Protein backbone atom coordinates (compact mmCIF):
# COMPACT_ATOMS: atom_id res chain seq x y z
CA MET A 1 56.15 43.26 -84.18
CA ASP A 2 52.47 42.42 -84.58
CA TRP A 3 51.94 40.52 -81.32
CA ILE A 4 48.34 39.59 -82.10
CA ALA A 5 49.45 38.05 -85.40
CA LEU A 6 52.30 36.27 -83.60
CA PHE A 7 50.03 34.63 -81.03
CA LEU A 8 47.52 33.70 -83.72
CA THR A 9 50.28 32.14 -85.83
CA LEU A 10 51.64 30.16 -82.88
CA ARG A 11 48.14 28.96 -82.03
CA LEU A 12 47.60 27.92 -85.64
CA ALA A 13 50.93 26.07 -85.79
CA LEU A 14 50.25 24.18 -82.55
CA MET A 15 46.76 23.12 -83.64
CA VAL A 16 48.02 21.97 -87.04
CA CYS A 17 50.77 19.93 -85.36
CA LEU A 18 48.30 18.19 -83.05
CA LEU A 19 45.85 17.43 -85.86
CA LEU A 20 48.56 16.17 -88.20
CA LEU A 21 49.99 13.99 -85.46
CA ALA A 22 46.61 12.25 -85.23
CA ILE A 23 46.21 12.08 -89.01
CA GLY A 24 49.82 11.51 -90.00
CA LEU A 25 50.59 8.47 -87.84
CA PRO A 26 48.00 6.11 -89.39
CA VAL A 27 48.63 7.46 -92.91
CA SER A 28 52.39 7.03 -92.49
CA TYR A 29 51.95 3.53 -91.08
CA TRP A 30 49.83 2.53 -94.07
CA LEU A 31 52.29 4.02 -96.55
CA ALA A 32 55.22 2.29 -94.83
CA PHE A 33 53.75 -1.20 -94.57
CA SER A 34 50.99 -1.49 -97.15
CA ARG A 35 51.64 -3.84 -100.07
CA TRP A 36 48.94 -2.38 -102.30
CA ARG A 37 50.38 -2.00 -105.80
CA ALA A 38 48.71 1.35 -106.44
CA LYS A 39 50.06 2.81 -103.21
CA PHE A 40 52.14 5.25 -105.25
CA LEU A 41 48.93 7.09 -106.17
CA VAL A 42 48.25 7.84 -102.50
CA GLU A 43 51.89 8.88 -102.04
CA ALA A 44 51.52 11.27 -104.98
CA VAL A 45 48.37 12.81 -103.49
CA VAL A 46 50.04 13.26 -100.09
CA THR A 47 53.11 14.87 -101.70
CA LEU A 48 51.12 17.09 -104.06
CA PRO A 49 51.15 20.18 -101.76
CA LEU A 50 54.95 20.24 -102.06
CA VAL A 51 54.88 20.89 -105.80
CA LEU A 52 51.61 22.79 -106.31
CA PRO A 53 51.83 26.60 -106.20
CA PRO A 54 50.27 27.74 -102.90
CA THR A 55 47.75 29.93 -104.72
CA VAL A 56 46.56 26.97 -106.79
CA LEU A 57 46.17 24.77 -103.72
CA GLY A 58 44.53 27.64 -101.86
CA PHE A 59 42.06 28.20 -104.67
CA TYR A 60 40.93 24.58 -104.74
CA ILE A 61 40.66 24.46 -100.95
CA LEU A 62 38.62 27.66 -101.03
CA VAL A 63 36.27 26.18 -103.63
CA ALA A 64 35.96 22.94 -101.63
CA MET A 65 35.03 24.92 -98.51
CA GLY A 66 32.65 27.27 -100.29
CA PRO A 67 28.98 27.52 -99.25
CA ARG A 68 27.90 25.75 -102.47
CA SER A 69 30.16 22.74 -101.94
CA PRO A 70 28.99 19.64 -100.02
CA LEU A 71 31.53 20.29 -97.28
CA GLY A 72 30.52 23.94 -97.07
CA ARG A 73 26.81 23.13 -96.82
CA VAL A 74 27.40 20.55 -94.08
CA TRP A 75 29.60 22.98 -92.14
CA ILE A 76 27.00 25.77 -92.36
CA SER A 77 24.21 23.42 -91.29
CA ILE A 78 26.19 22.42 -88.18
CA PHE A 79 27.92 25.65 -87.17
CA GLY A 80 25.73 28.26 -88.84
CA GLN A 81 28.56 30.08 -90.62
CA PRO A 82 30.74 29.46 -93.69
CA LEU A 83 34.19 27.93 -93.31
CA PRO A 84 36.32 30.27 -95.50
CA PHE A 85 37.81 33.40 -93.93
CA THR A 86 37.61 31.94 -90.43
CA PHE A 87 40.25 30.52 -88.11
CA SER A 88 38.74 27.05 -88.49
CA GLY A 89 39.08 27.30 -92.25
CA LEU A 90 42.65 28.43 -91.80
CA VAL A 91 43.39 25.35 -89.68
CA ALA A 92 41.82 23.00 -92.24
CA ALA A 93 43.76 24.55 -95.11
CA SER A 94 47.03 24.48 -93.16
CA VAL A 95 46.53 20.80 -92.31
CA LEU A 96 46.23 19.94 -96.00
CA TYR A 97 49.14 22.20 -96.96
CA SER A 98 51.50 20.81 -94.29
CA LEU A 99 50.46 17.15 -94.64
CA PRO A 100 53.61 16.00 -96.51
CA PHE A 101 55.89 17.66 -93.94
CA MET A 102 54.47 15.32 -91.32
CA VAL A 103 53.85 12.17 -93.33
CA GLN A 104 57.14 11.91 -95.25
CA PRO A 105 59.59 11.90 -92.30
CA VAL A 106 57.30 9.68 -90.21
CA ALA A 107 56.75 7.17 -93.03
CA SER A 108 60.52 7.07 -93.64
CA ALA A 109 61.13 6.42 -89.95
CA PHE A 110 58.56 3.62 -89.91
CA SER A 111 60.11 2.04 -93.01
CA ALA A 112 63.56 2.14 -91.41
CA VAL A 113 62.54 -0.13 -88.52
CA ASP A 114 64.32 -3.46 -88.80
CA PRO A 115 61.82 -6.06 -90.14
CA ARG A 116 63.46 -8.69 -87.95
CA LEU A 117 62.25 -6.85 -84.86
CA LEU A 118 58.71 -6.82 -86.21
CA ALA A 119 58.93 -10.52 -87.03
CA ALA A 120 60.24 -11.29 -83.55
CA SER A 121 57.41 -9.34 -81.97
CA SER A 122 54.87 -11.22 -84.06
CA THR A 123 56.47 -14.55 -83.16
CA LEU A 124 56.11 -13.72 -79.48
CA GLY A 125 52.38 -13.26 -80.00
CA VAL A 126 52.29 -9.47 -79.68
CA THR A 127 49.37 -7.83 -81.47
CA ARG A 128 49.89 -5.30 -84.26
CA TRP A 129 48.89 -2.50 -81.93
CA GLY A 130 51.32 -3.75 -79.29
CA THR A 131 54.12 -3.98 -81.86
CA PHE A 132 53.35 -0.49 -83.07
CA ARG A 133 53.31 0.92 -79.56
CA ARG A 134 56.31 -0.97 -78.14
CA VAL A 135 58.59 -1.34 -81.15
CA ILE A 136 57.76 0.97 -84.04
CA LEU A 137 56.93 4.14 -82.12
CA PRO A 138 60.04 4.16 -79.86
CA LEU A 139 62.37 3.46 -82.79
CA SER A 140 60.64 6.15 -84.89
CA ALA A 141 60.62 8.87 -82.24
CA SER A 142 63.23 10.93 -84.09
CA GLY A 143 61.22 10.86 -87.32
CA ILE A 144 57.99 11.78 -85.53
CA LEU A 145 59.66 14.70 -83.76
CA THR A 146 61.17 15.81 -87.07
CA GLY A 147 57.72 15.76 -88.67
CA LEU A 148 56.26 17.81 -85.83
CA VAL A 149 59.04 20.38 -85.94
CA LEU A 150 58.96 20.74 -89.72
CA THR A 151 55.16 21.04 -89.65
CA PHE A 152 55.39 23.75 -87.01
CA ALA A 153 58.04 25.68 -88.94
CA HIS A 154 56.20 25.34 -92.24
CA THR A 155 52.96 26.60 -90.73
CA LEU A 156 54.74 29.63 -89.30
CA GLY A 157 55.79 30.75 -92.78
CA GLU A 158 52.61 30.02 -94.76
CA PHE A 159 51.45 32.84 -96.99
CA GLY A 160 49.72 31.89 -100.25
CA VAL A 161 47.28 29.32 -98.88
CA VAL A 162 46.64 31.42 -95.76
CA LEU A 163 45.85 34.51 -97.79
CA MET A 164 43.61 32.65 -100.24
CA VAL A 165 41.57 30.78 -97.64
CA GLY A 166 41.73 33.07 -94.59
CA GLY A 167 42.10 36.50 -96.09
CA ASN A 168 43.54 39.25 -93.92
CA ILE A 169 41.24 39.72 -90.93
CA PRO A 170 43.06 41.17 -87.87
CA GLY A 171 42.90 38.87 -84.88
CA VAL A 172 41.14 36.15 -86.87
CA THR A 173 43.21 35.12 -89.91
CA ARG A 174 46.08 37.61 -90.14
CA THR A 175 49.24 35.57 -89.58
CA LEU A 176 52.81 36.83 -89.31
CA SER A 177 53.55 36.28 -93.00
CA VAL A 178 50.47 38.29 -93.99
CA SER A 179 51.42 40.96 -91.45
CA ILE A 180 54.84 41.29 -93.10
CA TYR A 181 53.15 41.72 -96.47
CA ASP A 182 50.91 44.44 -95.02
CA ARG A 183 53.85 46.30 -93.51
CA VAL A 184 55.74 46.24 -96.81
CA GLN A 185 52.65 47.48 -98.67
CA ALA A 186 52.41 50.33 -96.15
CA LEU A 187 56.16 51.09 -96.60
CA ASP A 188 56.75 50.30 -92.92
CA TYR A 189 60.03 48.53 -93.55
CA ASN A 190 61.21 48.69 -89.94
CA SER A 191 58.29 46.59 -88.67
CA ALA A 192 58.56 44.25 -91.66
CA ALA A 193 62.29 43.82 -91.02
CA ALA A 194 61.79 43.07 -87.31
CA THR A 195 59.13 40.43 -87.99
CA SER A 196 61.13 38.91 -90.85
CA LEU A 197 64.23 38.69 -88.66
CA PHE A 198 62.21 36.96 -85.95
CA LEU A 199 60.96 34.34 -88.42
CA LEU A 200 64.45 33.93 -89.91
CA VAL A 201 66.06 33.27 -86.53
CA LEU A 202 63.25 31.00 -85.40
CA SER A 203 63.38 28.96 -88.62
CA PHE A 204 67.16 28.58 -88.33
CA VAL A 205 66.91 27.41 -84.72
CA ILE A 206 64.21 24.89 -85.64
CA LEU A 207 66.18 23.45 -88.57
CA ALA A 208 69.41 23.32 -86.56
CA PHE A 209 67.52 21.44 -83.84
CA VAL A 210 66.16 18.92 -86.37
CA TYR A 211 69.53 18.25 -88.00
CA GLY A 212 71.26 18.01 -84.64
CA LEU A 213 68.61 15.60 -83.40
CA ASN A 214 68.94 13.36 -86.44
CA ARG A 215 72.72 13.34 -86.17
CA ASN A 216 72.56 12.27 -82.52
CA ALA A 217 69.96 9.62 -83.35
CA ARG A 218 72.24 8.09 -86.00
CA ALA A 219 75.12 8.07 -83.54
CA ILE A 220 73.06 6.25 -80.90
CA TRP A 221 71.18 3.96 -83.32
CA PRO A 222 73.30 3.41 -86.49
CA GLY A 223 70.34 2.01 -88.41
CA ALA A 224 68.18 5.08 -87.85
CA ARG A 225 67.45 7.45 -90.74
């Protein structure tokens, strides 16, 4: 087991979860309640990482972060170093790659809230922020937790985007999935098998937790999804 890669991967997954929680909540709210007719275009963009090959997405992210791109020039002017092949670049790429895993379950949970409760809250003079905080968030807790767990699990297993944007720098961008690839290339199947088994068991536990959580939520609140 590559413990350095494990800790780096866990750190990456936690940071991506926190960033996507801040980004995903407003995006999901807008997708759930916006009446804009062309909203489907935004939904398509958010879902795009699910259908694009990871190498294709990784290539475009790498180009967008490059030193000749506007983003790359701004980043270098502020931090004095390029964004690709750094941990920060890895975080940015993982946020984009895992965006639909956070937004889709949260937006579905927001949409499942009974409109009558929202209307009642508005009738009582509660602000939109108050309604969101006191009504929508509590009733969508299961969906938010599902998004966080799926984002965490998805980030643990990233390979294509991670390799394209972060490379394979020990202690900086080498994640567990890249470490497994290295061990297989070196014909060290025992280490590769141990790391793969760890990820397999962890992924199963995470998915079982999510499905069990959703089942209990439906039993307690029949209208929940």
